Structure formats: C-alpha cells, structure tokens
Amino acid sequence: MAVVEGRSEVTGNVWKIEKAVGDAVTAEDVVMILESMKMEIPVETLVAGTLKELLVSEEDAVEEDQVVAIIETE
C-alpha cells in the first residue's frame, strides 16, 4: 500500500467536505470543495483507495498546494 497526498490547487477556504475518513474513493472523486474569490473549486482524488485522514475542517483557510487529505491506495 502507498500513501497519496491530496492537495489544494488554490488559496481559499474549505466550503464543504464531501467524504469522510474511512470512505472508499475512486480516482477523481471530490473529497471537498474550496471557495476562492466566490468560485467553487473541487479537490479531487488522484487515485483509488481509502480516505485515511482529513487535515482540514469546513471553514478552514488553506494555501495553494497545501496537503488537505491523505489517501491510502490498495
């Protein structure tokens, strides 16, 4: 098994978390939605696996390229 980091693509705020720790995910699943400059930007998984950890909560501020989730591949 390998660990893959999910990263934010923009600076903004966590608007909504779509997945919970322990959820199975497939490539391109939306884990959370960020709000930046009144736009909604999805944070998608790059690989299939299990969501092991969320490093942010709703309403948290995030920076571009910040690690926001950890996914363990199968």
N, C-alpha and C. Protein backbone atom coordinates (compact mmCIF):
# COMPACT_ATOMS: atom_id res chain seq x y z
N MET A 1 0.83 -1.19 0.00
CA MET A 1 0.00 0.00 0.00
C MET A 1 0.88 1.25 0.00
N ALA A 2 0.38 2.27 -0.63
CA ALA A 2 1.08 3.56 -0.69
C ALA A 2 0.16 4.65 -0.16
N VAL A 3 0.77 5.74 0.23
CA VAL A 3 0.02 6.89 0.72
C VAL A 3 0.14 8.02 -0.29
N VAL A 4 -0.98 8.63 -0.63
CA VAL A 4 -1.01 9.73 -1.59
C VAL A 4 -1.63 10.95 -0.91
N GLU A 5 -0.99 12.10 -1.10
CA GLU A 5 -1.49 13.34 -0.50
C GLU A 5 -2.45 14.03 -1.46
N GLY A 6 -3.59 14.48 -0.94
CA GLY A 6 -4.49 15.33 -1.70
C GLY A 6 -4.15 16.78 -1.38
N ARG A 7 -3.98 17.61 -2.39
CA ARG A 7 -3.54 18.99 -2.20
C ARG A 7 -4.54 19.98 -2.79
N SER A 8 -4.59 21.16 -2.18
CA SER A 8 -5.44 22.22 -2.71
C SER A 8 -4.74 22.86 -3.90
N GLU A 9 -5.51 23.26 -4.87
CA GLU A 9 -4.96 23.90 -6.06
C GLU A 9 -4.94 25.42 -5.94
N VAL A 10 -5.66 25.95 -4.95
CA VAL A 10 -5.79 27.40 -4.79
C VAL A 10 -5.75 27.79 -3.32
N THR A 11 -5.54 29.07 -3.07
CA THR A 11 -5.70 29.62 -1.73
C THR A 11 -7.17 29.96 -1.56
N GLY A 12 -7.75 29.56 -0.45
CA GLY A 12 -9.17 29.83 -0.22
C GLY A 12 -9.62 29.27 1.11
N ASN A 13 -10.90 28.93 1.19
CA ASN A 13 -11.49 28.36 2.41
C ASN A 13 -12.19 27.06 2.07
N VAL A 14 -12.18 26.14 3.03
CA VAL A 14 -12.91 24.88 2.84
C VAL A 14 -14.39 25.21 3.00
N TRP A 15 -15.14 25.03 1.91
CA TRP A 15 -16.56 25.34 1.93
C TRP A 15 -17.37 24.13 2.38
N LYS A 16 -17.06 22.94 1.81
CA LYS A 16 -17.86 21.75 2.13
C LYS A 16 -16.98 20.51 2.00
N ILE A 17 -17.07 19.62 2.97
CA ILE A 17 -16.37 18.34 2.90
C ILE A 17 -17.36 17.29 2.42
N GLU A 18 -16.99 16.58 1.36
CA GLU A 18 -17.89 15.62 0.70
C GLU A 18 -17.67 14.17 1.13
N LYS A 19 -16.48 13.83 1.62
CA LYS A 19 -16.15 12.46 2.00
C LYS A 19 -15.73 12.42 3.46
N ALA A 20 -15.86 11.24 4.08
CA ALA A 20 -15.48 11.06 5.47
C ALA A 20 -14.29 10.11 5.56
N VAL A 21 -13.53 10.23 6.64
CA VAL A 21 -12.42 9.31 6.87
C VAL A 21 -12.96 7.89 6.88
N GLY A 22 -12.27 7.01 6.16
CA GLY A 22 -12.70 5.62 6.04
C GLY A 22 -13.46 5.33 4.77
N ASP A 23 -13.91 6.36 4.07
CA ASP A 23 -14.64 6.16 2.81
C ASP A 23 -13.72 5.61 1.72
N ALA A 24 -14.25 4.71 0.93
CA ALA A 24 -13.55 4.26 -0.27
C ALA A 24 -13.73 5.34 -1.33
N VAL A 25 -12.65 5.63 -2.06
CA VAL A 25 -12.70 6.64 -3.12
C VAL A 25 -12.14 6.06 -4.40
N THR A 26 -12.60 6.58 -5.52
CA THR A 26 -12.04 6.23 -6.82
C THR A 26 -11.33 7.46 -7.36
N ALA A 27 -10.53 7.27 -8.38
CA ALA A 27 -9.84 8.41 -9.00
C ALA A 27 -10.86 9.45 -9.43
N GLU A 28 -10.58 10.69 -9.14
CA GLU A 28 -11.39 11.86 -9.50
C GLU A 28 -12.64 12.05 -8.64
N ASP A 29 -12.76 11.32 -7.51
CA ASP A 29 -13.84 11.61 -6.56
C ASP A 29 -13.57 12.97 -5.93
N VAL A 30 -14.62 13.71 -5.64
CA VAL A 30 -14.49 15.01 -4.98
C VAL A 30 -14.47 14.76 -3.47
N VAL A 31 -13.36 15.14 -2.82
CA VAL A 31 -13.23 14.98 -1.37
C VAL A 31 -13.80 16.19 -0.65
N MET A 32 -13.53 17.37 -1.20
CA MET A 32 -14.03 18.61 -0.60
C MET A 32 -14.13 19.68 -1.66
N ILE A 33 -14.83 20.76 -1.31
CA ILE A 33 -14.96 21.89 -2.22
C ILE A 33 -14.39 23.12 -1.51
N LEU A 34 -13.51 23.80 -2.21
CA LEU A 34 -12.93 25.03 -1.70
C LEU A 34 -13.65 26.22 -2.31
N GLU A 35 -13.68 27.33 -1.58
CA GLU A 35 -14.24 28.58 -2.09
C GLU A 35 -13.09 29.57 -2.18
N SER A 36 -12.93 30.13 -3.38
CA SER A 36 -11.89 31.12 -3.60
C SER A 36 -12.42 32.15 -4.57
N MET A 37 -12.42 33.41 -4.14
CA MET A 37 -12.91 34.51 -4.98
C MET A 37 -14.31 34.22 -5.52
N LYS A 38 -15.17 33.70 -4.63
CA LYS A 38 -16.58 33.39 -4.94
C LYS A 38 -16.75 32.29 -5.97
N MET A 39 -15.70 31.49 -6.18
CA MET A 39 -15.77 30.34 -7.07
C MET A 39 -15.64 29.07 -6.24
N GLU A 40 -16.29 27.99 -6.68
CA GLU A 40 -16.19 26.70 -6.01
C GLU A 40 -15.19 25.83 -6.77
N ILE A 41 -14.15 25.37 -6.07
CA ILE A 41 -13.10 24.57 -6.69
C ILE A 41 -13.06 23.21 -6.01
N PRO A 42 -13.34 22.11 -6.73
CA PRO A 42 -13.30 20.79 -6.11
C PRO A 42 -11.87 20.31 -5.90
N VAL A 43 -11.66 19.60 -4.80
CA VAL A 43 -10.40 18.89 -4.56
C VAL A 43 -10.71 17.43 -4.85
N GLU A 44 -10.10 16.89 -5.90
CA GLU A 44 -10.38 15.53 -6.35
C GLU A 44 -9.24 14.58 -5.99
N THR A 45 -9.58 13.31 -5.84
CA THR A 45 -8.57 12.30 -5.60
C THR A 45 -7.84 11.99 -6.91
N LEU A 46 -6.58 11.65 -6.78
CA LEU A 46 -5.79 11.28 -7.95
C LEU A 46 -5.79 9.78 -8.18
N VAL A 47 -6.10 9.02 -7.12
CA VAL A 47 -6.03 7.56 -7.16
C VAL A 47 -7.22 6.96 -6.42
N ALA A 48 -7.44 5.67 -6.64
CA ALA A 48 -8.45 4.94 -5.88
C ALA A 48 -7.82 4.46 -4.58
N GLY A 49 -8.63 4.37 -3.53
CA GLY A 49 -8.13 3.88 -2.25
C GLY A 49 -9.10 4.20 -1.15
N THR A 50 -8.56 4.45 0.05
CA THR A 50 -9.36 4.76 1.24
C THR A 50 -8.91 6.10 1.80
N LEU A 51 -9.87 6.94 2.11
CA LEU A 51 -9.55 8.24 2.71
C LEU A 51 -9.12 7.99 4.16
N LYS A 52 -7.84 8.18 4.43
CA LYS A 52 -7.28 7.87 5.75
C LYS A 52 -7.32 9.05 6.71
N GLU A 53 -7.19 10.27 6.18
CA GLU A 53 -7.14 11.42 7.08
C GLU A 53 -7.55 12.69 6.34
N LEU A 54 -8.32 13.52 7.02
CA LEU A 54 -8.63 14.87 6.55
C LEU A 54 -7.84 15.82 7.43
N LEU A 55 -7.04 16.68 6.83
CA LEU A 55 -6.17 17.58 7.59
C LEU A 55 -6.77 18.96 7.79
N VAL A 56 -7.98 19.17 7.28
CA VAL A 56 -8.68 20.45 7.42
C VAL A 56 -10.15 20.18 7.75
N SER A 57 -10.82 21.23 8.22
CA SER A 57 -12.25 21.16 8.52
C SER A 57 -12.97 22.24 7.72
N GLU A 58 -14.30 22.14 7.66
CA GLU A 58 -15.07 23.16 6.96
C GLU A 58 -14.78 24.53 7.59
N GLU A 59 -14.67 25.52 6.75
CA GLU A 59 -14.37 26.92 7.08
C GLU A 59 -12.89 27.20 7.34
N ASP A 60 -12.04 26.18 7.33
CA ASP A 60 -10.60 26.43 7.49
C ASP A 60 -10.05 27.14 6.26
N ALA A 61 -9.07 28.00 6.48
CA ALA A 61 -8.34 28.64 5.38
C ALA A 61 -7.25 27.68 4.91
N VAL A 62 -7.05 27.60 3.59
CA VAL A 62 -5.99 26.76 3.03
C VAL A 62 -5.16 27.58 2.05
N GLU A 63 -3.91 27.18 1.91
CA GLU A 63 -3.00 27.82 0.96
C GLU A 63 -2.87 26.95 -0.28
N GLU A 64 -2.47 27.53 -1.37
CA GLU A 64 -2.22 26.78 -2.60
C GLU A 64 -1.19 25.70 -2.32
N ASP A 65 -1.44 24.49 -2.80
CA ASP A 65 -0.55 23.34 -2.69
C ASP A 65 -0.46 22.76 -1.27
N GLN A 66 -1.37 23.16 -0.39
CA GLN A 66 -1.40 22.62 0.98
C GLN A 66 -1.97 21.21 0.95
N VAL A 67 -1.38 20.30 1.73
CA VAL A 67 -1.93 18.95 1.86
C VAL A 67 -3.19 19.04 2.71
N VAL A 68 -4.30 18.54 2.16
CA VAL A 68 -5.59 18.62 2.86
C VAL A 68 -6.18 17.25 3.18
N ALA A 69 -5.66 16.19 2.54
CA ALA A 69 -6.19 14.84 2.76
C ALA A 69 -5.10 13.82 2.47
N ILE A 70 -5.24 12.66 3.11
CA ILE A 70 -4.32 11.53 2.90
C ILE A 70 -5.16 10.34 2.42
N ILE A 71 -4.73 9.75 1.32
CA ILE A 71 -5.42 8.59 0.74
C ILE A 71 -4.44 7.42 0.72
N GLU A 72 -4.91 6.28 1.18
CA GLU A 72 -4.09 5.07 1.14
C GLU A 72 -4.58 4.23 -0.03
N THR A 73 -3.66 3.90 -0.93
CA THR A 73 -4.03 3.12 -2.11
C THR A 73 -4.08 1.65 -1.76
N GLU A 74 -4.79 0.91 -2.59
CA GLU A 74 -4.98 -0.52 -2.34
C GLU A 74 -3.99 -1.36 -3.09
